[in-house]
Structure formats: C-alpha cells, structure tokens
Protein backbone atom coordinates (compact mmCIF):
# COMPACT_ATOMS: atom_id res chain seq x y z
CA MET A 1 6.35 26.17 -15.33
CA PRO A 2 9.27 24.23 -13.74
CA ALA A 3 11.27 21.77 -15.85
CA GLY A 4 10.09 18.17 -15.79
CA LEU A 5 6.42 19.00 -14.98
CA SER A 6 5.45 19.77 -18.58
CA ALA A 7 7.06 16.73 -20.27
CA SER A 8 5.76 15.68 -23.53
CA SER A 9 4.56 12.49 -21.94
CA LEU A 10 1.72 14.35 -20.25
CA HIS A 11 0.29 16.17 -23.21
CA ARG A 12 -2.11 13.38 -24.10
CA TYR A 13 -3.87 13.31 -20.80
CA ARG A 14 -7.14 15.16 -20.78
CA VAL A 15 -9.22 16.37 -18.02
CA LEU A 16 -13.08 16.09 -17.68
CA ARG A 17 -14.38 19.28 -16.03
CA ARG A 18 -17.49 19.36 -13.91
CA ASN A 19 -19.41 21.07 -16.55
CA GLY A 20 -18.75 18.28 -19.07
CA SER A 21 -16.13 20.16 -21.08
CA ILE A 22 -12.62 18.71 -21.74
CA CYS A 23 -9.31 20.38 -21.54
CA ARG A 24 -5.65 19.37 -21.78
CA PHE A 25 -4.05 18.34 -18.48
CA ASP A 26 -1.73 21.06 -17.26
CA PRO A 27 0.37 20.40 -14.12
CA GLY A 28 1.02 24.05 -13.83
CA LYS A 29 -2.48 24.53 -12.60
CA ILE A 30 -1.70 22.25 -9.73
CA LEU A 31 1.36 24.15 -8.72
CA ARG A 32 -0.53 27.47 -8.86
CA ALA A 33 -3.34 26.11 -6.65
CA LEU A 34 -0.82 24.70 -4.14
CA SER A 35 0.94 28.13 -3.98
CA ARG A 36 -2.39 29.89 -3.23
CA VAL A 37 -3.45 27.46 -0.61
CA PHE A 38 -0.07 27.62 1.28
CA GLU A 39 -0.31 31.51 1.10
CA LEU A 40 -3.69 31.17 2.93
CA VAL A 41 -2.45 29.00 5.72
CA GLU A 42 1.15 29.40 6.17
CA THR A 43 2.85 32.64 7.53
CA ALA A 44 6.25 31.88 6.09
CA PRO A 45 6.60 31.55 2.29
CA VAL A 46 6.92 28.03 0.89
CA SER A 47 9.87 27.40 -1.25
CA ALA A 48 9.51 26.69 -4.98
CA GLU A 49 11.12 23.28 -4.43
CA VAL A 50 8.50 22.20 -1.98
CA LEU A 51 5.79 23.29 -4.54
CA VAL A 52 7.46 21.45 -7.24
CA ARG A 53 7.92 18.23 -5.18
CA LEU A 54 4.31 18.25 -4.18
CA THR A 55 3.10 18.86 -7.68
CA GLU A 56 5.26 16.06 -9.01
CA ARG A 57 3.79 13.64 -6.43
CA ALA A 58 0.23 14.51 -7.42
CA VAL A 59 1.12 14.10 -11.12
CA ALA A 60 2.62 10.71 -10.28
CA GLY A 61 -0.56 9.69 -8.61
CA ILE A 62 -2.83 10.96 -11.42
CA THR A 63 -0.82 9.17 -14.12
CA ARG A 64 0.00 6.01 -12.22
CA ARG A 65 -2.21 4.04 -14.52
CA PRO A 66 -0.70 3.87 -18.08
CA GLN A 67 -3.71 5.14 -19.88
CA PRO A 68 -2.71 8.35 -21.39
CA ASP A 69 -5.75 8.61 -23.59
CA ARG A 70 -8.27 8.27 -20.66
CA LEU A 71 -10.38 11.33 -19.36
CA ILE A 72 -9.28 12.32 -15.77
CA PRO A 73 -12.09 13.67 -13.80
CA VAL A 74 -11.09 16.98 -12.25
CA GLU A 75 -12.10 15.64 -8.78
CA GLU A 76 -9.45 12.78 -9.17
CA ILE A 77 -6.82 15.53 -9.74
CA GLN A 78 -7.95 17.31 -6.57
CA ASP A 79 -7.90 14.10 -4.59
CA GLN A 80 -4.28 13.43 -5.65
CA VAL A 81 -3.25 17.08 -4.67
CA GLU A 82 -4.94 16.43 -1.20
CA LEU A 83 -3.14 13.02 -0.85
CA ALA A 84 0.29 14.56 -1.75
CA LEU A 85 -0.20 17.26 0.93
CA THR A 86 -1.21 14.65 3.60
CA ARG A 87 1.76 12.27 2.68
CA ALA A 88 4.11 15.18 2.96
CA GLY A 89 2.87 16.08 6.38
CA HIS A 90 1.10 19.37 5.35
CA PHE A 91 -2.03 18.57 7.17
CA ARG A 92 -3.20 21.98 7.89
CA VAL A 93 -2.68 22.89 4.24
CA ALA A 94 -4.46 19.81 3.17
CA GLN A 95 -7.33 20.51 5.57
CA ALA A 96 -7.66 23.95 4.21
CA TYR A 97 -7.49 22.69 0.59
CA LEU A 98 -10.46 20.37 1.50
CA VAL A 99 -12.45 23.15 3.09
CA HIS A 100 -11.79 25.39 -0.04
CA ARG A 101 -13.29 22.60 -2.29
CA GLU A 102 -16.29 22.18 -0.22
CA GLU A 103 -17.07 25.92 0.25
CA HIS A 104 -16.93 26.39 -3.45
CA GLY A 105 -19.28 23.57 -4.11
CA LEU A 106 -16.75 21.19 -5.52
CA PRO A 107 -17.86 17.54 -4.63
CA ARG A 108 -14.93 15.28 -4.11
CA GLN A 109 -16.39 12.94 -6.93
CA GLY A 110 -19.67 12.11 -8.35
CA VAL A 111 -22.15 9.35 -7.71
CA LEU A 112 -20.95 5.84 -8.02
CA GLU A 113 -23.06 4.03 -10.74
CA THR A 114 -21.22 1.08 -12.08
CA ALA A 115 -21.02 -0.89 -8.88
CA PRO A 116 -22.41 -0.30 -5.37
CA LEU A 117 -19.96 0.26 -2.59
CA ASP A 118 -19.29 -2.82 -0.72
CA GLU A 119 -19.76 -1.49 2.80
CA SER A 120 -18.87 -4.84 4.31
CA SER A 121 -15.15 -4.31 3.86
CA ILE A 122 -15.18 -1.07 5.77
CA ARG A 123 -17.31 -2.70 8.45
CA SER A 124 -14.81 -5.52 8.76
CA ALA A 125 -11.90 -3.18 8.73
CA CYS A 126 -13.33 -1.23 11.72
CA GLU A 127 -14.30 -4.28 13.75
CA ASP A 128 -12.88 -4.16 17.18
CA VAL A 129 -11.07 -0.97 16.64
CA ASP A 130 -11.83 1.75 19.39
CA GLY A 131 -12.13 5.40 18.49
CA VAL A 132 -13.10 5.04 14.78
CA ASP A 133 -16.31 6.06 13.08
CA GLU A 134 -17.55 3.62 10.48
CA LEU A 135 -19.93 6.13 9.03
CA ALA A 136 -17.42 8.79 8.77
CA LEU A 137 -15.16 6.44 6.71
CA LEU A 138 -18.12 5.50 4.49
CA ARG A 139 -18.75 9.14 3.92
CA GLU A 140 -15.25 9.86 3.06
CA THR A 141 -15.07 6.95 0.74
CA ARG A 142 -18.12 7.84 -1.24
CA ARG A 143 -16.85 11.37 -1.60
CA ARG A 144 -13.71 10.00 -3.38
CA LEU A 145 -15.64 7.87 -5.86
CA HIS A 146 -16.13 9.11 -9.38
CA GLN A 147 -18.96 8.03 -11.79
CA GLY A 148 -18.39 4.59 -13.17
CA ALA A 149 -15.81 3.61 -10.52
CA CYS A 150 -14.79 0.06 -10.75
CA LEU A 151 -13.89 -2.31 -7.90
CA ASP A 152 -10.19 -1.31 -8.00
CA ASP A 153 -11.21 2.29 -7.68
CA GLN A 154 -13.41 1.47 -4.68
CA LEU A 155 -10.53 -0.35 -2.90
CA LEU A 156 -8.18 2.63 -3.56
CA ALA A 157 -10.84 5.12 -2.44
CA GLN A 158 -11.26 3.14 0.89
CA VAL A 159 -7.60 3.15 1.66
CA GLU A 160 -7.16 6.83 0.82
CA ALA A 161 -10.11 7.67 2.89
CA ALA A 162 -8.71 5.92 5.87
CA ARG A 163 -5.42 7.55 5.34
CA TRP A 164 -7.05 10.95 5.38
CA LEU A 165 -8.73 10.18 8.69
CA LEU A 166 -5.48 8.79 10.03
CA ALA A 167 -3.85 12.17 9.65
CA THR A 168 -5.90 13.44 12.47
CA ASN A 169 -6.78 10.22 14.44
CA GLY A 170 -4.21 7.52 14.91
CA SER A 171 -6.88 4.87 15.64
CA TYR A 172 -7.44 4.61 11.95
CA SER A 173 -4.07 2.98 11.47
CA LEU A 174 -5.32 -0.48 11.90
CA VAL A 175 -8.22 0.41 9.71
CA ALA A 176 -6.15 1.70 6.83
CA ALA A 177 -3.93 -1.40 6.99
CA ARG A 178 -6.81 -3.77 6.81
CA LEU A 179 -8.22 -2.00 3.75
CA LEU A 180 -4.84 -2.02 2.16
CA LEU A 181 -4.69 -5.67 2.84
CA GLU A 182 -7.93 -6.16 1.01
CA LYS A 183 -6.49 -4.45 -1.90
CA LEU A 184 -3.57 -6.52 -1.74
CA SER A 185 -5.65 -9.75 -1.62
CA LYS A 186 -7.54 -8.61 -4.66
CA GLU A 187 -4.25 -8.06 -6.50
CA ALA A 188 -3.09 -11.56 -5.47
CA HIS A 189 -6.38 -13.06 -6.69
CA ASP A 190 -6.09 -11.28 -10.01
CA VAL A 191 -2.49 -12.76 -10.50
CA LEU A 192 -3.10 -16.20 -9.20
CA GLY A 193 -6.86 -16.82 -9.69
CA CYS A 194 -9.03 -19.05 -7.55
CA SER A 195 -7.04 -21.78 -5.76
CA SER A 196 -7.77 -24.17 -2.85
CA ASN A 197 -4.18 -23.60 -1.54
CA TYR A 198 -2.97 -20.02 -2.03
CA PHE A 199 0.53 -20.82 -0.81
CA ILE A 200 1.14 -23.60 -3.42
CA SER A 201 -0.28 -21.35 -6.24
CA TYR A 202 1.93 -18.51 -4.98
CA LEU A 203 5.15 -20.70 -4.97
CA THR A 204 4.29 -22.23 -8.45
CA LYS A 205 3.60 -18.73 -9.88
CA GLY A 206 6.72 -17.29 -8.33
CA ILE A 207 8.99 -20.07 -9.63
CA LYS A 208 7.40 -19.77 -13.10
CA LEU A 209 8.00 -16.13 -13.23
CA GLY A 210 11.62 -16.71 -12.09
CA ALA A 211 11.06 -14.74 -8.90
CA LEU A 212 11.36 -17.64 -6.35
CA ASP A 213 14.08 -20.23 -5.90
CA PRO A 214 12.81 -23.63 -7.24
CA ALA A 215 14.68 -25.19 -4.36
CA LEU A 216 11.78 -24.19 -2.07
CA LEU A 217 9.78 -27.19 -3.71
CA ARG A 218 12.10 -29.51 -1.68
CA PHE A 219 9.95 -28.92 1.36
CA ASN A 220 6.73 -30.72 2.15
CA VAL A 221 4.68 -27.80 0.92
CA GLN A 222 1.49 -29.20 2.26
CA GLN A 223 2.83 -29.31 5.77
CA ILE A 224 4.38 -25.77 5.38
CA SER A 225 1.24 -24.29 4.07
CA SER A 226 -0.80 -25.57 6.91
CA ALA A 227 1.29 -23.72 9.43
CA ILE A 228 0.69 -20.27 7.88
CA ARG A 229 -1.60 -17.95 9.91
CA TYR A 230 -3.02 -15.52 7.40
CA GLU A 231 -5.19 -13.90 10.04
CA LEU A 232 -1.95 -12.19 11.54
CA ASP A 233 -1.94 -9.90 8.60
CA ARG A 234 -4.84 -8.09 10.09
CA GLU A 235 -2.68 -7.14 13.05
CA PHE A 236 -0.42 -4.80 10.98
CA HIS A 237 -0.63 -1.08 11.48
CA TYR A 238 -0.67 1.06 8.19
CA SER A 239 3.09 2.03 8.16
CA GLY A 240 4.21 -1.48 8.57
CA LEU A 241 2.04 -2.94 5.94
CA GLN A 242 2.61 -0.15 3.56
CA MET A 243 6.34 -0.63 3.83
CA LEU A 244 6.04 -4.19 2.73
CA TYR A 245 3.52 -3.38 0.09
CA GLU A 246 5.69 -0.69 -1.47
CA HIS A 247 9.18 -2.30 -1.20
CA TYR A 248 9.20 -6.04 -0.45
CA LEU A 249 6.16 -8.03 -1.65
CA LEU A 250 6.63 -9.87 -4.93
CA ARG A 251 4.66 -8.58 -7.94
CA GLN A 252 3.86 -9.14 -11.61
CA ASP A 253 3.04 -6.24 -13.90
CA GLY A 254 2.61 -3.94 -10.87
CA LEU A 255 0.27 -6.37 -9.15
CA ARG A 256 1.41 -7.93 -5.74
CA PHE A 257 0.74 -11.61 -5.47
CA GLU A 258 2.64 -12.26 -2.11
CA LEU A 259 0.86 -11.83 1.16
CA PRO A 260 2.92 -10.78 4.16
CA GLN A 261 2.52 -14.26 5.81
CA ALA A 262 3.78 -15.73 2.47
CA LEU A 263 6.86 -13.47 2.62
CA PHE A 264 7.55 -14.53 6.18
CA MET A 265 7.30 -18.23 5.33
CA ARG A 266 9.49 -18.06 2.29
CA VAL A 267 12.25 -16.28 4.35
CA ALA A 268 11.89 -18.94 7.00
CA MET A 269 12.04 -21.76 4.35
CA SER A 270 15.10 -20.31 2.78
CA LEU A 271 16.84 -20.28 6.25
CA ALA A 272 16.02 -23.90 6.93
CA LEU A 273 16.64 -25.08 3.31
CA ASN A 274 19.69 -27.14 4.08
CA LEU A 275 18.77 -28.42 7.45
CA GLU A 276 17.74 -32.00 8.01
CA ASP A 277 14.53 -31.21 9.86
CA ARG A 278 13.83 -28.32 7.45
CA GLU A 279 9.99 -28.35 7.79
CA ASP A 280 10.01 -28.18 11.58
CA ARG A 281 12.76 -25.57 11.55
CA ALA A 282 11.04 -23.46 8.86
CA ILE A 283 7.78 -23.54 10.79
CA ALA A 284 9.69 -22.53 13.97
CA TYR A 285 11.49 -19.66 12.09
CA TYR A 286 8.14 -18.55 10.57
CA GLN A 287 6.31 -18.52 13.89
CA MET A 288 9.16 -16.06 15.25
CA LEU A 289 8.95 -13.88 12.21
CA SER A 290 5.17 -13.85 11.76
CA GLY A 291 4.74 -13.16 15.37
CA LEU A 292 7.25 -10.35 15.07
CA ASP A 293 9.06 -11.56 18.04
CA PHE A 294 12.17 -11.04 15.91
CA THR A 295 12.68 -9.12 12.71
CA ALA A 296 16.00 -9.16 10.93
CA PRO A 297 17.83 -5.77 10.93
CA ASN A 298 19.14 -6.33 7.49
CA THR A 299 16.18 -5.75 5.11
CA ALA A 300 18.13 -7.59 2.29
CA LEU A 301 17.10 -10.74 4.17
CA PHE A 302 13.53 -10.08 3.06
CA ALA A 303 14.85 -11.26 -0.34
CA ALA A 304 15.52 -14.75 0.96
CA GLY A 305 13.96 -17.37 -0.97
CA THR A 306 13.97 -15.35 -4.17
CA ARG A 307 15.97 -16.65 -7.24
CA GLY A 308 19.59 -15.76 -7.08
CA TRP A 309 19.58 -14.88 -3.34
CA ARG A 310 22.51 -16.58 -1.66
CA THR A 311 22.68 -16.03 1.98
CA ALA A 312 25.78 -14.77 3.56
CA GLY A 313 23.55 -13.67 6.28
CA ALA A 314 21.21 -16.65 6.58
CA ASP A 315 23.56 -18.71 8.73
CA GLU A 316 24.07 -15.80 11.16
CA LEU A 317 20.29 -15.13 11.25
CA SER A 318 19.56 -18.84 11.85
CA ILE A 319 21.96 -18.54 14.93
CA LEU A 320 20.39 -15.33 16.15
CA LEU A 321 16.86 -16.80 16.04
CA HIS A 322 17.98 -19.54 18.47
CA ASN A 323 20.11 -17.36 20.69
CA GLN A 324 18.12 -14.64 22.56
CA ARG A 325 21.21 -12.91 23.96
CA TYR A 326 21.57 -11.25 20.59
CA THR A 327 18.09 -9.76 20.60
CA GLN A 328 19.84 -6.35 20.49
CA ASN A 329 20.43 -7.06 16.75
CA PHE A 330 16.67 -7.31 16.09
CA LEU A 331 14.02 -4.84 16.06
CA VAL A 332 11.91 -4.89 19.12
CA LYS A 333 8.74 -7.16 19.15
CA ARG A 334 5.69 -5.51 17.26
CA LYS A 335 7.94 -2.95 15.52
CA LEU A 336 6.18 -3.48 12.21
CA LEU A 337 2.78 -3.24 13.87
CA ASP A 338 3.37 0.09 15.41
CA ILE A 339 2.88 3.44 13.71
C-alpha cells in the first residue's frame, strides 16, 4: 500500500456492503481495482504514480464530509472512483469501470427513500439546450442516489450525473453548470437564510465575517442591488462556473454564500469606491464584467472588495474598462462561458 493512503485518519471510516455487512475502509482496494481496469483497457502499462494519484482523489471525495464514524455505502466509493477517472481524463477507463459494475450486477446506488427526486431542477437545467436527453440525465442521477439520500446528496448527484454525460457530449456543459448553480444557491440559502434582498444580506454577512470591506456600505446598496441580473448566472458553461465555485466565491464553513453576480458587483463597487459618481460607475463596471465583455487578466482582482484588499491594480483596471484599445489585456468576450 503506498504511503499516505493508509493514514490513521482513515481507519475510522467503515463501508456498508451490498449484503448489509460492514468492513473497514481500505484505500488499497481502490488502487487494486484501478490497476485491474487499466489493464483491461490500456495496452501500455499505467504508472504507479497515476494509480496513487487517482486513488487519492477518490479517497478525498469519499472523505470530503468530516464524519469519520458514518457508514459509507460501497456504491458511493465506486461513484468517487468513476468521478476521479473522469476528471483526470481517463474516459475510456471510466466507461469500462461503469460497464464492469453493471455487468456484475452492481447498481450504482439504492432506491431513494428519504425524499423524492425533484425532477423540476433537471427539467429547468435542460431547458432550451439542444442535444441533451433529460430522461438520460434523470436515470443517471437516480443511479447515483443511495438509500436515505438527503437534498444535498441529490444536488451533488445531479451535478455528477451531468458531468458524466458531459464527458461524451459537450452539450451538457450548460446543464452541468445550471445544476451546480442550484447547488450553490442552496448553499447560499443555508448560510444567509430567507431574505427579501439577497445582496444586502450577502454584504451584511460578508462584513460580519470579516470577509468583505465595510467601505462597500458607503454605496446606495438598494440602487446597486437593483442593477444585478442574477439570470446571467445561467449562461455559464461548467468549466467557468466550476472555476469560480472552487477558487473565488466567498464561503463560510465550506458553504459558498456568494453568487457569481454578487462577485462581479463587489469587484465593480471596489473599483468605483472612491469616485464621485460611484453608484453609476459601479453599475457600468458591473455591466461590463457580468456581460463578460471584459474580464481582468489578473485573477487577484477577484479579491476586490474583500477586507484587506488594496488595489494597486484597481486604477489600472478602471482605465482599461474605459479604453477599448487595451482590450488585448483582457480575456476575450465569453471566455468564462466557454468550455
């Protein structure tokens, strides 16, 4: 067993087998299963480093929830192995792994009992997207749900199902992004609760947590919030939204409470903070950023508006936004929208 995969922190995890028996979680079984399926598919031998890296990714997915005493359904482990293969670009191997499971009568997961699957979210995600099969996505989602799955499990299963279909059909990029957006919206609701004005609640929470600059409250927040177009978040493709989700959106205890449009607006507000007509300028900057006409090349600018961020680059960006002859310094329009 490679070093690092049998750490003492894993010994408390237990696996629920399909026959109802319980055994200790052993990452070595994942590595050996990966080795066998690579041998079946690939003519060239796979390196030990690749197998270890894939195993570590699968283990990270399995243990992402800090509940070491929980029982892990064996199907969940198999799903994470499949996802690790897909994310690493081993699509043929992932497909062979899936076929192996099905041929040996291994259902992806059991029947959902705790809460019925909300098909409306999948229907909405597929709306106006050509080349996608809503029923195929529903079937793939159901196969990923284990007995007693909660709403969070459902949302994750929907995203992973769309990702799986995306591996062979690029049309699912929009669908996967929309389902990830629903998961993000649920996280934001869990942090902020119900509110008649999301943006005001978001600013208040961010400042209270010490994540946002209190100077943002100098703006007429009602005027600013009324200019935000949250529907634009549905135009992201998966890679763009995932990048924001993984790296830039503000979070509390692992839950994101910042939507992409809120990020764009706080960046715009930070750039206009010291201007006389700051509301109008902030809205103008926001419209450029949210429409992805211009996106700053320096990703550090995504930190604009957070506490402690002081802009050496803000003045430069403000000039660039007003001077199109510098557009070579910006990513092309729709960069974040494309795969």
